[in-house]
Amino acid sequence: LKQLEDASHRKFEALEKWDSDCADVIVWLRNNHHKFKIEVFEPPMLCLTVPNSKFVHAVEVCFPSSALKTFIAQCEEDYSLLNQML
């Protein structure tokens, strides 16, 4: 569990350096998740893991950088709320 937390923290720190605005939204979302009807997924950069680290770069180049920073709302109401709050 500690190893997973460390990996998650490293991913978040990398995102902070790459796009501090996106990192700020993640912090806001984590603090305000109760305002949404259904879970809003954080960007794939944080919540997806490639099991074999040799292939991380190969997987990442398949997606534009904007897709790696996309938040996913599961309903129209949450999508609207997320966009309104940000």
N, C-alpha and C. Protein backbone atom coordinates (compact mmCIF):
# COMPACT_ATOMS: atom_id res chain seq x y z
N LEU A 1 0.84 -1.19 0.00
CA LEU A 1 0.00 0.00 0.00
C LEU A 1 0.88 1.25 0.00
N LYS A 2 1.92 1.22 0.81
CA LYS A 2 2.84 2.37 0.87
C LYS A 2 3.47 2.62 -0.50
N GLN A 3 3.83 1.53 -1.19
CA GLN A 3 4.45 1.66 -2.50
C GLN A 3 3.49 2.32 -3.50
N LEU A 4 2.20 1.95 -3.43
CA LEU A 4 1.20 2.57 -4.30
C LEU A 4 1.03 4.04 -3.98
N GLU A 5 1.01 4.37 -2.69
CA GLU A 5 0.89 5.77 -2.28
C GLU A 5 2.08 6.58 -2.77
N ASP A 6 3.27 6.00 -2.67
CA ASP A 6 4.48 6.68 -3.13
C ASP A 6 4.42 6.92 -4.64
N ALA A 7 3.98 5.92 -5.40
CA ALA A 7 3.87 6.07 -6.85
C ALA A 7 2.85 7.14 -7.20
N SER A 8 1.74 7.14 -6.50
CA SER A 8 0.70 8.14 -6.73
C SER A 8 1.23 9.54 -6.42
N HIS A 9 1.97 9.66 -5.34
CA HIS A 9 2.55 10.96 -4.96
C HIS A 9 3.56 11.43 -6.01
N ARG A 10 4.38 10.51 -6.51
CA ARG A 10 5.37 10.87 -7.54
C ARG A 10 4.67 11.35 -8.82
N LYS A 11 3.59 10.66 -9.19
CA LYS A 11 2.83 11.07 -10.38
C LYS A 11 2.26 12.47 -10.19
N PHE A 12 1.71 12.72 -9.00
CA PHE A 12 1.14 14.04 -8.72
C PHE A 12 2.22 15.12 -8.77
N GLU A 13 3.38 14.85 -8.19
CA GLU A 13 4.48 15.83 -8.21
C GLU A 13 4.93 16.11 -9.65
N ALA A 14 4.98 15.07 -10.48
CA ALA A 14 5.36 15.27 -11.88
C ALA A 14 4.32 16.14 -12.59
N LEU A 15 3.05 15.90 -12.30
CA LEU A 15 2.00 16.71 -12.90
C LEU A 15 2.09 18.16 -12.43
N GLU A 16 2.39 18.36 -11.15
CA GLU A 16 2.54 19.73 -10.62
C GLU A 16 3.60 20.52 -11.39
N LYS A 17 4.69 19.84 -11.72
CA LYS A 17 5.77 20.50 -12.46
C LYS A 17 5.36 20.76 -13.90
N TRP A 18 4.59 19.84 -14.47
CA TRP A 18 4.19 19.93 -15.88
C TRP A 18 3.05 20.93 -16.08
N ASP A 19 2.05 20.88 -15.18
CA ASP A 19 0.88 21.74 -15.32
C ASP A 19 0.31 22.03 -13.93
N SER A 20 0.76 23.11 -13.33
CA SER A 20 0.34 23.43 -11.96
C SER A 20 -1.15 23.74 -11.87
N ASP A 21 -1.74 24.27 -12.94
CA ASP A 21 -3.18 24.54 -12.93
C ASP A 21 -3.97 23.24 -12.82
N CYS A 22 -3.56 22.24 -13.56
CA CYS A 22 -4.23 20.94 -13.50
C CYS A 22 -4.09 20.33 -12.10
N ALA A 23 -2.91 20.46 -11.52
CA ALA A 23 -2.69 19.96 -10.16
C ALA A 23 -3.58 20.69 -9.17
N ASP A 24 -3.77 21.98 -9.35
CA ASP A 24 -4.67 22.75 -8.47
C ASP A 24 -6.10 22.24 -8.58
N VAL A 25 -6.53 21.90 -9.79
CA VAL A 25 -7.88 21.37 -9.98
C VAL A 25 -8.03 20.03 -9.26
N ILE A 26 -7.02 19.21 -9.30
CA ILE A 26 -7.07 17.91 -8.62
C ILE A 26 -7.22 18.11 -7.12
N VAL A 27 -6.46 19.02 -6.56
CA VAL A 27 -6.58 19.32 -5.13
C VAL A 27 -7.99 19.81 -4.82
N TRP A 28 -8.50 20.72 -5.66
CA TRP A 28 -9.85 21.24 -5.45
C TRP A 28 -10.87 20.10 -5.52
N LEU A 29 -10.74 19.24 -6.53
CA LEU A 29 -11.68 18.13 -6.70
C LEU A 29 -11.64 17.18 -5.51
N ARG A 30 -10.47 16.87 -5.03
CA ARG A 30 -10.35 15.97 -3.87
C ARG A 30 -11.00 16.58 -2.63
N ASN A 31 -10.92 17.89 -2.50
CA ASN A 31 -11.53 18.56 -1.35
C ASN A 31 -13.02 18.80 -1.51
N ASN A 32 -13.54 18.67 -2.73
CA ASN A 32 -14.94 18.98 -3.00
C ASN A 32 -15.69 17.84 -3.68
N HIS A 33 -15.18 16.64 -3.57
CA HIS A 33 -15.80 15.49 -4.25
C HIS A 33 -17.25 15.28 -3.81
N HIS A 34 -17.58 15.73 -2.61
CA HIS A 34 -18.94 15.55 -2.08
C HIS A 34 -19.99 16.37 -2.85
N LYS A 35 -19.56 17.33 -3.64
CA LYS A 35 -20.49 18.17 -4.41
C LYS A 35 -21.00 17.48 -5.67
N PHE A 36 -20.43 16.35 -6.01
CA PHE A 36 -20.77 15.67 -7.25
C PHE A 36 -21.64 14.44 -6.98
N LYS A 37 -22.51 14.14 -7.94
CA LYS A 37 -23.42 13.01 -7.80
C LYS A 37 -22.68 11.68 -7.89
N ILE A 38 -21.76 11.61 -8.85
CA ILE A 38 -21.01 10.39 -9.14
C ILE A 38 -19.52 10.76 -9.15
N GLU A 39 -18.68 9.78 -8.90
CA GLU A 39 -17.24 10.04 -8.89
C GLU A 39 -16.79 10.70 -10.19
N VAL A 40 -16.00 11.74 -10.07
CA VAL A 40 -15.34 12.37 -11.21
C VAL A 40 -13.92 11.83 -11.22
N PHE A 41 -13.55 11.22 -12.33
CA PHE A 41 -12.24 10.59 -12.41
C PHE A 41 -11.16 11.62 -12.68
N GLU A 42 -10.06 11.46 -11.98
CA GLU A 42 -8.89 12.31 -12.19
C GLU A 42 -8.24 11.95 -13.52
N PRO A 43 -7.35 12.79 -14.01
CA PRO A 43 -6.71 12.54 -15.30
C PRO A 43 -6.01 11.18 -15.37
N PRO A 44 -6.00 10.58 -16.56
CA PRO A 44 -5.34 9.29 -16.74
C PRO A 44 -3.88 9.30 -16.30
N MET A 45 -3.23 10.45 -16.41
CA MET A 45 -1.83 10.55 -15.98
C MET A 45 -1.66 10.09 -14.53
N LEU A 46 -2.70 10.29 -13.72
CA LEU A 46 -2.62 9.92 -12.31
C LEU A 46 -3.25 8.57 -12.01
N CYS A 47 -4.34 8.25 -12.69
CA CYS A 47 -5.11 7.08 -12.24
C CYS A 47 -4.86 5.81 -13.06
N LEU A 48 -4.04 5.88 -14.09
CA LEU A 48 -3.72 4.69 -14.86
C LEU A 48 -2.27 4.30 -14.63
N THR A 49 -2.03 3.00 -14.65
CA THR A 49 -0.68 2.50 -14.46
C THR A 49 -0.37 1.46 -15.53
N VAL A 50 0.75 1.59 -16.17
CA VAL A 50 1.21 0.60 -17.13
C VAL A 50 1.99 -0.43 -16.33
N PRO A 51 1.54 -1.70 -16.34
CA PRO A 51 2.17 -2.71 -15.49
C PRO A 51 3.67 -2.90 -15.73
N ASN A 52 4.09 -2.82 -16.98
CA ASN A 52 5.50 -3.00 -17.30
C ASN A 52 6.10 -1.63 -17.61
N SER A 53 6.97 -1.16 -16.76
CA SER A 53 7.52 0.19 -16.89
C SER A 53 8.30 0.40 -18.20
N LYS A 54 8.71 -0.68 -18.84
CA LYS A 54 9.42 -0.54 -20.12
C LYS A 54 8.51 0.06 -21.20
N PHE A 55 7.19 -0.07 -21.01
CA PHE A 55 6.25 0.36 -22.04
C PHE A 55 5.53 1.67 -21.73
N VAL A 56 5.89 2.32 -20.64
CA VAL A 56 5.21 3.57 -20.25
C VAL A 56 5.30 4.60 -21.37
N HIS A 57 6.47 4.83 -21.88
CA HIS A 57 6.63 5.85 -22.93
C HIS A 57 5.84 5.47 -24.18
N ALA A 58 5.86 4.19 -24.55
CA ALA A 58 5.13 3.74 -25.74
C ALA A 58 3.63 3.98 -25.60
N VAL A 59 3.11 3.80 -24.41
CA VAL A 59 1.68 4.03 -24.16
C VAL A 59 1.40 5.53 -24.16
N GLU A 60 2.23 6.31 -23.49
CA GLU A 60 1.99 7.75 -23.37
C GLU A 60 2.01 8.47 -24.71
N VAL A 61 2.86 8.03 -25.63
CA VAL A 61 2.93 8.72 -26.93
C VAL A 61 1.70 8.47 -27.79
N CYS A 62 0.87 7.53 -27.40
CA CYS A 62 -0.38 7.25 -28.14
C CYS A 62 -1.46 8.28 -27.85
N PHE A 63 -1.26 9.10 -26.84
CA PHE A 63 -2.27 10.06 -26.42
C PHE A 63 -1.70 11.47 -26.46
N PRO A 64 -2.49 12.43 -26.93
CA PRO A 64 -2.03 13.82 -26.84
C PRO A 64 -1.94 14.23 -25.36
N SER A 65 -1.09 15.18 -25.07
CA SER A 65 -0.90 15.59 -23.67
C SER A 65 -2.20 16.05 -23.03
N SER A 66 -3.07 16.67 -23.82
CA SER A 66 -4.35 17.14 -23.26
C SER A 66 -5.21 15.97 -22.78
N ALA A 67 -5.12 14.82 -23.46
CA ALA A 67 -5.90 13.65 -23.05
C ALA A 67 -5.40 13.08 -21.72
N LEU A 68 -4.11 13.22 -21.47
CA LEU A 68 -3.55 12.71 -20.21
C LEU A 68 -3.94 13.57 -19.02
N LYS A 69 -4.46 14.78 -19.30
CA LYS A 69 -4.85 15.71 -18.22
C LYS A 69 -6.36 15.92 -18.16
N THR A 70 -7.12 15.05 -18.81
CA THR A 70 -8.57 15.21 -18.90
C THR A 70 -9.28 14.63 -17.68
N PHE A 71 -10.23 15.38 -17.15
CA PHE A 71 -11.08 14.90 -16.07
C PHE A 71 -12.32 14.26 -16.70
N ILE A 72 -12.83 13.20 -16.09
CA ILE A 72 -13.97 12.50 -16.67
C ILE A 72 -15.13 12.51 -15.69
N ALA A 73 -16.17 13.24 -16.06
CA ALA A 73 -17.41 13.26 -15.28
C ALA A 73 -18.35 12.22 -15.88
N GLN A 74 -19.12 11.55 -15.03
CA GLN A 74 -19.96 10.46 -15.49
C GLN A 74 -21.39 10.87 -15.80
N CYS A 75 -21.72 12.11 -15.55
CA CYS A 75 -23.07 12.58 -15.90
C CYS A 75 -22.98 14.06 -16.29
N GLU A 76 -23.97 14.49 -17.03
CA GLU A 76 -24.00 15.87 -17.55
C GLU A 76 -24.00 16.90 -16.42
N GLU A 77 -24.73 16.60 -15.36
CA GLU A 77 -24.82 17.53 -14.24
C GLU A 77 -23.44 17.76 -13.59
N ASP A 78 -22.70 16.68 -13.38
CA ASP A 78 -21.37 16.80 -12.79
C ASP A 78 -20.40 17.49 -13.75
N TYR A 79 -20.54 17.20 -15.03
CA TYR A 79 -19.71 17.86 -16.05
C TYR A 79 -19.93 19.37 -16.00
N SER A 80 -21.18 19.76 -15.94
CA SER A 80 -21.51 21.19 -15.88
C SER A 80 -20.98 21.83 -14.60
N LEU A 81 -21.16 21.14 -13.48
CA LEU A 81 -20.68 21.66 -12.20
C LEU A 81 -19.16 21.82 -12.21
N LEU A 82 -18.47 20.83 -12.71
CA LEU A 82 -17.01 20.90 -12.76
C LEU A 82 -16.56 22.09 -13.60
N ASN A 83 -17.15 22.27 -14.75
CA ASN A 83 -16.78 23.39 -15.62
C ASN A 83 -17.17 24.73 -15.02
N GLN A 84 -18.28 24.76 -14.32
CA GLN A 84 -18.75 26.00 -13.68
C GLN A 84 -17.82 26.40 -12.53
N MET A 85 -17.38 25.43 -11.76
CA MET A 85 -16.55 25.70 -10.59
C MET A 85 -15.13 26.09 -10.98
N LEU A 86 -14.71 25.67 -12.15
CA LEU A 86 -13.34 25.94 -12.56
C LEU A 86 -13.31 27.10 -13.52
